[in-house]
Amino acid sequence: MRVGVFVIACLALVAGSPAPAPAEYSESAAVQVIEETESFLAHPHYLDNDEIGALFGQLAKDYPQLAQAYKVGRSLQGRPLHALALNAPPANDKSGDLLRPMVKLVANIRGDETLGRQIVLYMAEYLASSYETDDQVQRLLNTTEIHFLPSCNPDGFALAQINP
């Protein structure tokens, strides 16, 4: 719960979008429904460390202008610590924007904290896949560099899966 609130608070602060005027709201406003390409409920499970690496690799392949997969090291038992950076390249400078804010989202510090891990993964996938169609996601990734580290403790996660 705390991870979800923290993630939402960070993104709200980073986006820095001003509150819309009350006149912009109406009772007849259409509700936007997000259609999922693959239902989590059809095959619910927490991604293991290898699946996280594969997901980040696929995101980097599918969205090369936005996503860069990398590893920040290895766990005590040798499992890679997979990370993903999401940001749109600056339009006017190929060397990068040194004043662009950076946000790091870290989850699964303790092995049994699996929900935060999935939230970080879903957020990374949503932001990458929605960049072309969602103006708010475009504004966020055009002005912010977000780094995702969904599992700070892959050894603990593996142990929690064996001994729930």
Protein backbone atom coordinates (compact mmCIF):
# COMPACT_ATOMS: atom_id res chain seq x y z
CA MET A 1 0.00 0.00 0.00
CA ARG A 2 2.76 2.42 0.93
CA VAL A 3 4.62 1.68 -2.32
CA GLY A 4 1.52 2.43 -4.41
CA VAL A 5 0.86 5.71 -2.63
CA PHE A 6 4.54 6.67 -2.94
CA VAL A 7 4.57 5.89 -6.67
CA ILE A 8 1.44 7.89 -7.32
CA ALA A 9 2.71 10.81 -5.23
CA CYS A 10 6.06 10.86 -7.05
CA LEU A 11 4.49 10.83 -10.49
CA ALA A 12 2.02 13.55 -9.51
CA LEU A 13 4.84 15.77 -8.29
CA VAL A 14 7.01 15.11 -11.32
CA ALA A 15 4.28 15.67 -13.87
CA GLY A 16 3.66 19.08 -12.34
CA SER A 17 0.42 19.49 -14.17
CA PRO A 18 -1.70 22.39 -12.94
CA ALA A 19 -5.16 21.57 -11.67
CA PRO A 20 -7.76 21.95 -14.40
CA ALA A 21 -10.33 24.68 -14.04
CA PRO A 22 -13.68 23.52 -12.61
CA ALA A 23 -15.38 24.43 -15.90
CA GLU A 24 -13.50 21.57 -17.62
CA TYR A 25 -15.48 18.95 -15.71
CA SER A 26 -18.97 17.89 -16.60
CA GLU A 27 -21.27 15.09 -15.58
CA SER A 28 -21.54 13.96 -19.18
CA ALA A 29 -17.78 13.61 -19.65
CA ALA A 30 -16.78 10.32 -21.27
CA VAL A 31 -14.87 7.82 -19.17
CA GLN A 32 -11.72 6.51 -20.81
CA VAL A 33 -11.48 2.73 -20.65
CA ILE A 34 -8.03 1.22 -20.90
CA GLU A 35 -8.09 -1.98 -22.91
CA GLU A 36 -5.51 -4.54 -21.83
CA THR A 37 -3.83 -6.60 -24.51
CA GLU A 38 -3.35 -9.59 -22.22
CA SER A 39 -5.49 -10.25 -19.19
CA PHE A 40 -3.53 -10.66 -15.99
CA LEU A 41 -6.44 -12.66 -14.57
CA ALA A 42 -6.15 -15.23 -17.38
CA HIS A 43 -2.70 -16.25 -16.10
CA PRO A 44 -2.10 -14.54 -12.75
CA HIS A 45 1.39 -14.88 -11.36
CA TYR A 46 4.25 -12.77 -10.13
CA LEU A 47 7.04 -12.46 -12.65
CA ASP A 48 10.25 -14.15 -11.58
CA ASN A 49 13.62 -12.50 -12.05
CA ASP A 50 14.24 -14.04 -15.48
CA GLU A 51 10.80 -12.90 -16.67
CA ILE A 52 11.55 -9.37 -15.47
CA GLY A 53 14.76 -9.37 -17.51
CA ALA A 54 12.86 -10.65 -20.54
CA LEU A 55 10.11 -8.03 -20.10
CA PHE A 56 12.60 -5.18 -19.81
CA GLY A 57 14.52 -6.50 -22.81
CA GLN A 58 11.30 -6.65 -24.83
CA LEU A 59 10.30 -3.13 -23.79
CA ALA A 60 13.73 -1.84 -24.86
CA LYS A 61 13.35 -3.66 -28.19
CA ASP A 62 9.74 -2.50 -28.78
CA TYR A 63 10.34 1.11 -27.69
CA PRO A 64 14.03 1.86 -28.44
CA GLN A 65 13.55 5.65 -28.30
CA LEU A 66 12.03 5.45 -24.80
CA ALA A 67 13.31 2.39 -22.96
CA GLN A 68 16.82 1.32 -21.98
CA ALA A 69 17.20 -1.97 -20.09
CA TYR A 70 20.27 -2.38 -17.87
CA LYS A 71 21.51 -4.18 -14.77
CA VAL A 72 22.68 -2.44 -11.62
CA GLY A 73 24.55 -5.44 -10.25
CA ARG A 74 23.94 -8.89 -8.83
CA SER A 75 22.37 -10.21 -5.66
CA LEU A 76 24.28 -12.22 -3.06
CA GLN A 77 23.18 -15.41 -4.83
CA GLY A 78 24.18 -14.06 -8.23
CA ARG A 79 20.80 -13.04 -9.62
CA PRO A 80 20.93 -9.93 -11.83
CA LEU A 81 19.24 -6.74 -10.59
CA HIS A 82 17.26 -5.70 -13.68
CA ALA A 83 16.45 -2.04 -14.21
CA LEU A 84 14.75 0.00 -16.90
CA ALA A 85 15.08 3.68 -17.76
CA LEU A 86 12.19 5.43 -19.50
CA ASN A 87 12.44 8.88 -21.04
CA ALA A 88 11.92 10.55 -24.38
CA PRO A 89 15.05 12.02 -25.93
CA PRO A 90 15.19 15.82 -25.85
CA ALA A 91 14.06 17.34 -29.14
CA ASN A 92 16.76 20.00 -29.34
CA ASP A 93 19.86 18.32 -27.91
CA LYS A 94 21.27 14.86 -28.56
CA SER A 95 23.55 14.95 -25.51
CA GLY A 96 20.66 14.97 -23.04
CA ASP A 97 19.13 17.46 -20.66
CA LEU A 98 21.22 17.78 -17.51
CA LEU A 99 18.41 19.60 -15.73
CA ARG A 100 15.81 16.92 -16.45
CA PRO A 101 14.57 15.47 -13.15
CA MET A 102 15.20 11.80 -12.48
CA VAL A 103 12.95 9.54 -10.47
CA LYS A 104 13.86 6.07 -9.21
CA LEU A 105 11.12 3.60 -8.31
CA VAL A 106 12.38 0.68 -6.23
CA ALA A 107 10.30 -2.22 -4.94
CA ASN A 108 10.62 -5.67 -3.38
CA ILE A 109 13.20 -4.65 -0.80
CA ARG A 110 12.01 -7.50 1.40
CA GLY A 111 11.43 -10.78 -0.41
CA ASP A 112 7.75 -11.11 0.44
CA GLU A 113 6.79 -7.61 -0.78
CA THR A 114 5.61 -8.86 -4.14
CA LEU A 115 2.74 -6.49 -4.87
CA GLY A 116 4.97 -3.42 -5.14
CA ARG A 117 7.16 -5.35 -7.54
CA GLN A 118 4.22 -5.97 -9.88
CA ILE A 119 2.99 -2.37 -9.62
CA VAL A 120 6.40 -1.08 -10.72
CA LEU A 121 6.44 -3.55 -13.63
CA TYR A 122 2.93 -2.64 -14.76
CA MET A 123 3.73 1.05 -14.51
CA ALA A 124 6.85 0.67 -16.67
CA GLU A 125 4.92 -1.31 -19.27
CA TYR A 126 1.99 1.12 -19.24
CA LEU A 127 4.16 4.21 -19.65
CA ALA A 128 6.17 2.70 -22.50
CA SER A 129 3.14 1.36 -24.37
CA SER A 130 1.02 4.50 -23.86
CA TYR A 131 3.56 7.12 -24.90
CA GLU A 132 2.28 7.46 -28.46
CA THR A 133 -1.40 7.77 -27.49
CA ASP A 134 -1.55 9.51 -24.10
CA ASP A 135 -0.71 13.22 -23.84
CA GLN A 136 -0.05 13.04 -20.09
CA VAL A 137 2.40 10.15 -20.53
CA GLN A 138 4.13 12.08 -23.31
CA ARG A 139 4.48 15.15 -21.10
CA LEU A 140 5.82 13.03 -18.23
CA LEU A 141 8.42 11.16 -20.30
CA ASN A 142 9.38 14.29 -22.27
CA THR A 143 10.28 16.08 -19.05
CA THR A 144 11.36 13.31 -16.67
CA GLU A 145 13.70 10.33 -16.65
CA ILE A 146 12.20 7.43 -14.69
CA HIS A 147 14.26 4.46 -13.56
CA PHE A 148 12.51 1.27 -12.47
CA LEU A 149 14.14 -1.31 -10.19
CA PRO A 150 11.28 -3.72 -9.50
CA SER A 151 13.25 -6.11 -7.33
CA CYS A 152 15.93 -4.95 -4.98
CA ASN A 153 15.94 -8.42 -3.39
CA PRO A 154 15.45 -11.16 -6.01
CA ASP A 155 16.95 -13.73 -3.60
CA GLY A 156 14.29 -12.96 -1.00
CA PHE A 157 11.56 -13.12 -3.64
CA ALA A 158 12.76 -16.56 -4.79
CA LEU A 159 12.87 -17.78 -1.18
CA ALA A 160 9.38 -16.40 -0.48
CA GLN A 161 8.04 -18.32 -3.48
CA ILE A 162 9.49 -21.58 -2.11
CA ASN A 163 8.39 -20.95 1.51
CA PRO A 164 5.22 -18.81 1.33
